[in-house]
Amino acid sequence: PTPEEYDAARKWVDAGADEDGRAEAPAPGVLPEALLTRTRDVLGYRFVPEQESWASYVNSTFRLMMERFVELNEEALRVGLDVLIFPQGTRSKRLLPGHIGLSQIALHTQASVVPVGCNGCDGLYPGSSPWAQKGRVVYRVGEPIHYSDVPSMHIDEPYAPFTPDAENRHLKAFEAHASLVTERIDELLDEPYRRISDSSEDATTGVERFL
């Protein structure tokens, strides 16, 4: 998609993510017609344009996907596996302000979080190629952040992670936890990779975030 198409689609989906799922669609011609009218099946959930809007379909599919994501994380922790989360992805050299996704699953499962600082990966993967070049990477492993260490962030009621209701009700706890994890990671980084205060700096936007 073009940046304009991505922006319009993202705003429409975000606006329809609340519980009633209603949001005004972009003007005709802004998004490709095939996107809005072509029947498709994702994760076993069928899109029928006559029955729901494309934005509603995306949000419904996302809810199903995240429900399964939470189940898989719970299963992994239950059998003693470690869950690896890359909060910065691969597209930003410097550490960016933390996002709340990690915190939603960590607080929900009451799992400990082990911060890891990764220095030098940009030299191994200088472009978009998945094939690494020779180089030197320094990993530093910090002290675990146990659930018992952050009582002020405990959520004493059941909640479904990655839902509008959870984010509306418990946003402060999620943000505080994400900020703490980011601070701990920042302590493990060399200067070229340390945190920046402005998320627009040294960061990609639009579809480039996923490439």
Protein backbone atom coordinates (compact mmCIF):
# COMPACT_ATOMS: atom_id res chain seq x y z
CA PRO A 1 0.00 0.00 0.00
CA THR A 2 0.96 3.62 -0.41
CA PRO A 3 1.60 5.67 2.75
CA GLU A 4 -1.77 7.36 2.19
CA GLU A 5 -3.59 4.03 1.88
CA TYR A 6 -1.88 2.64 4.96
CA ASP A 7 -2.70 5.74 6.99
CA ALA A 8 -6.37 5.69 5.97
CA ALA A 9 -6.72 1.96 6.62
CA ARG A 10 -4.97 2.17 9.98
CA LYS A 11 -7.12 5.07 11.18
CA TRP A 12 -10.29 3.27 10.12
CA VAL A 13 -9.31 0.07 11.90
CA ASP A 14 -8.19 1.91 15.05
CA ALA A 15 -11.40 3.93 15.18
CA GLY A 16 -13.46 0.74 14.96
CA ALA A 17 -11.54 -1.17 17.63
CA ASP A 18 -13.93 -0.29 20.45
CA GLU A 19 -16.60 -2.68 21.60
CA ASP A 20 -19.36 -1.56 19.22
CA GLY A 21 -16.99 -1.74 16.26
CA ARG A 22 -18.54 1.18 14.41
CA ALA A 23 -16.37 3.65 12.53
CA GLU A 24 -16.76 5.81 9.47
CA ALA A 25 -15.10 4.40 6.37
CA PRO A 26 -12.67 6.46 4.26
CA ALA A 27 -14.10 8.24 1.23
CA PRO A 28 -14.63 6.10 -1.89
CA GLY A 29 -11.44 5.63 -3.89
CA VAL A 30 -9.07 6.13 -0.96
CA LEU A 31 -8.61 2.37 -0.47
CA PRO A 32 -8.42 -0.27 -3.23
CA GLU A 33 -11.86 -1.63 -4.09
CA ALA A 34 -10.64 -5.24 -3.93
CA LEU A 35 -9.62 -4.76 -0.31
CA LEU A 36 -13.16 -3.82 0.64
CA THR A 37 -15.16 -6.19 -1.54
CA ARG A 38 -13.16 -9.39 -2.08
CA THR A 39 -14.20 -12.34 0.07
CA ARG A 40 -11.32 -13.96 1.95
CA ASP A 41 -10.56 -16.29 4.84
CA VAL A 42 -7.96 -15.54 7.51
CA LEU A 43 -7.39 -17.89 10.45
CA GLY A 44 -10.64 -19.64 9.65
CA TYR A 45 -12.66 -16.42 9.88
CA ARG A 46 -14.42 -15.57 6.63
CA PHE A 47 -14.82 -12.01 5.37
CA VAL A 48 -18.21 -11.45 3.76
CA PRO A 49 -18.42 -7.78 2.67
CA GLU A 50 -22.22 -7.83 2.69
CA GLN A 51 -22.21 -8.68 6.39
CA GLU A 52 -19.49 -6.47 7.89
CA SER A 53 -17.03 -3.78 6.96
CA TRP A 54 -13.39 -4.49 6.21
CA ALA A 55 -12.31 -2.62 9.37
CA SER A 56 -14.69 -4.69 11.50
CA TYR A 57 -13.29 -7.85 9.90
CA VAL A 58 -9.70 -6.81 10.65
CA ASN A 59 -10.56 -6.13 14.28
CA SER A 60 -12.46 -9.40 14.65
CA THR A 61 -9.56 -11.33 13.13
CA PHE A 62 -7.13 -9.51 15.40
CA ARG A 63 -9.15 -10.48 18.48
CA LEU A 64 -9.11 -14.14 17.44
CA MET A 65 -5.39 -13.99 16.72
CA MET A 66 -4.55 -12.38 20.05
CA GLU A 67 -6.72 -14.82 21.99
CA ARG A 68 -4.69 -17.64 20.45
CA PHE A 69 -1.46 -15.72 21.07
CA VAL A 70 -2.26 -15.46 24.78
CA GLU A 71 -3.14 -19.17 24.91
CA LEU A 72 0.19 -20.12 23.32
CA ASN A 73 2.14 -17.95 25.76
CA GLU A 74 0.28 -19.48 28.70
CA GLU A 75 0.96 -22.98 27.38
CA ALA A 76 4.66 -22.22 26.87
CA LEU A 77 5.09 -20.88 30.40
CA ARG A 78 3.12 -23.76 31.86
CA VAL A 79 5.56 -26.34 30.44
CA GLY A 80 8.61 -24.35 31.50
CA LEU A 81 9.58 -22.66 28.25
CA ASP A 82 10.94 -19.14 28.01
CA VAL A 83 9.11 -16.63 25.83
CA LEU A 84 11.34 -14.34 23.76
CA ILE A 85 9.98 -10.88 23.00
CA PHE A 86 11.75 -8.35 20.81
CA PRO A 87 10.18 -5.04 21.87
CA GLN A 88 12.12 -2.99 19.33
CA GLY A 89 11.78 -5.32 16.36
CA THR A 90 14.66 -4.93 13.89
CA ARG A 91 14.08 -1.57 12.24
CA SER A 92 15.30 0.90 14.85
CA LYS A 93 18.94 1.19 15.88
CA ARG A 94 18.25 3.14 19.06
CA LEU A 95 16.01 1.99 21.87
CA LEU A 96 12.56 3.53 21.56
CA PRO A 97 9.99 4.18 24.29
CA GLY A 98 8.44 0.87 25.32
CA HIS A 99 5.11 -0.41 24.05
CA ILE A 100 2.54 -2.00 26.33
CA GLY A 101 2.10 -5.34 24.54
CA LEU A 102 4.91 -7.00 26.50
CA SER A 103 3.47 -5.67 29.74
CA GLN A 104 -0.04 -6.90 29.02
CA ILE A 105 1.11 -10.49 28.65
CA ALA A 106 3.70 -10.31 31.46
CA LEU A 107 1.27 -8.91 34.03
CA HIS A 108 -1.49 -11.27 32.88
CA THR A 109 0.70 -14.36 33.33
CA GLN A 110 2.61 -12.90 36.31
CA ALA A 111 5.81 -13.93 34.56
CA SER A 112 9.25 -12.55 35.34
CA VAL A 113 10.87 -10.40 32.65
CA VAL A 114 14.60 -10.68 31.98
CA PRO A 115 15.91 -7.56 30.16
CA VAL A 116 18.56 -8.16 27.50
CA GLY A 117 20.62 -5.45 25.83
CA CYS A 118 21.68 -6.23 22.28
CA ASN A 119 24.58 -4.21 20.85
CA GLY A 120 25.83 -4.53 17.28
CA CYS A 121 23.07 -6.36 15.44
CA ASP A 122 22.73 -3.53 12.94
CA GLY A 123 26.20 -4.46 11.68
CA LEU A 124 25.11 -8.03 11.04
CA TYR A 125 21.86 -7.04 9.34
CA PRO A 126 22.62 -3.70 7.65
CA GLY A 127 19.66 -3.85 5.26
CA SER A 128 16.43 -5.77 4.94
CA SER A 129 18.12 -9.10 4.13
CA PRO A 130 17.49 -11.92 6.63
CA TRP A 131 21.00 -13.27 6.00
CA ALA A 132 23.56 -12.18 8.58
CA GLN A 133 27.00 -10.83 7.79
CA LYS A 134 30.08 -11.37 9.93
CA GLY A 135 30.31 -9.07 12.90
CA ARG A 136 30.45 -8.75 16.66
CA VAL A 137 27.38 -8.60 18.87
CA VAL A 138 27.46 -8.00 22.61
CA TYR A 139 24.54 -9.26 24.69
CA ARG A 140 24.15 -8.10 28.28
CA VAL A 141 21.62 -9.82 30.51
CA GLY A 142 20.10 -7.83 33.35
CA GLU A 143 18.48 -8.78 36.63
CA PRO A 144 14.99 -10.31 36.32
CA ILE A 145 11.97 -8.12 36.99
CA HIS A 146 9.79 -10.44 39.06
CA TYR A 147 6.06 -9.95 39.35
CA SER A 148 6.50 -9.61 43.11
CA ASP A 149 8.92 -6.70 42.51
CA VAL A 150 6.21 -4.47 41.03
CA PRO A 151 3.20 -4.59 43.39
CA SER A 152 2.03 -1.15 42.28
CA MET A 153 1.49 -2.57 38.79
CA HIS A 154 -0.54 -5.60 39.84
CA ILE A 155 -4.01 -5.86 38.32
CA ASP A 156 -6.28 -7.53 40.83
CA GLU A 157 -9.04 -8.55 38.46
CA PRO A 158 -9.26 -10.84 35.43
CA TYR A 159 -8.70 -9.15 32.08
CA ALA A 160 -8.23 -10.15 28.47
CA PRO A 161 -4.91 -8.79 27.14
CA PHE A 162 -4.88 -6.83 23.89
CA THR A 163 -8.49 -5.71 24.11
CA PRO A 164 -9.77 -2.12 24.18
CA ASP A 165 -11.37 -2.78 27.57
CA ALA A 166 -8.09 -3.92 29.14
CA GLU A 167 -6.15 -1.00 27.70
CA ASN A 168 -8.77 1.52 28.79
CA ARG A 169 -9.01 0.16 32.34
CA HIS A 170 -5.36 -0.66 33.04
CA LEU A 171 -3.33 1.60 30.77
CA LYS A 172 -1.37 3.22 33.62
CA ALA A 173 -0.15 -0.14 34.92
CA PHE A 174 0.82 -1.29 31.42
CA GLU A 175 2.68 1.93 30.69
CA ALA A 176 4.52 1.89 34.02
CA HIS A 177 5.65 -1.69 33.49
CA ALA A 178 6.73 -1.03 29.89
CA SER A 179 8.69 2.03 31.04
CA LEU A 180 10.47 -0.01 33.72
CA VAL A 181 11.45 -2.72 31.23
CA THR A 182 12.73 -0.07 28.82
CA GLU A 183 14.83 1.55 31.56
CA ARG A 184 16.38 -1.80 32.46
CA ILE A 185 17.21 -2.55 28.82
CA ASP A 186 18.69 0.92 28.35
CA GLU A 187 21.17 0.27 31.16
CA LEU A 188 22.55 -2.67 29.16
CA LEU A 189 23.18 -0.79 25.91
CA ASP A 190 26.19 1.05 24.53
CA GLU A 191 25.68 4.71 23.65
CA PRO A 192 24.88 4.26 19.92
CA TYR A 193 21.91 2.10 20.88
CA ARG A 194 20.62 3.84 23.99
CA ARG A 195 17.13 5.20 24.42
CA ILE A 196 15.81 8.23 22.60
CA SER A 197 12.98 10.31 23.99
CA ASP A 198 11.30 11.04 20.66
CA SER A 199 9.84 7.96 18.99
CA SER A 200 9.87 9.77 15.63
CA GLU A 201 13.66 10.00 15.71
CA ASP A 202 15.65 7.17 14.13
CA ALA A 203 12.42 5.28 13.49
CA THR A 204 10.61 4.11 10.39
CA THR A 205 6.95 4.82 9.76
CA GLY A 206 4.04 3.33 7.84
CA VAL A 207 4.52 0.02 6.07
CA GLU A 208 8.32 0.38 6.34
CA ARG A 209 7.94 -0.64 10.01
CA PHE A 210 7.14 -4.17 8.85
CA LEU A 211 9.75 -4.61 6.10
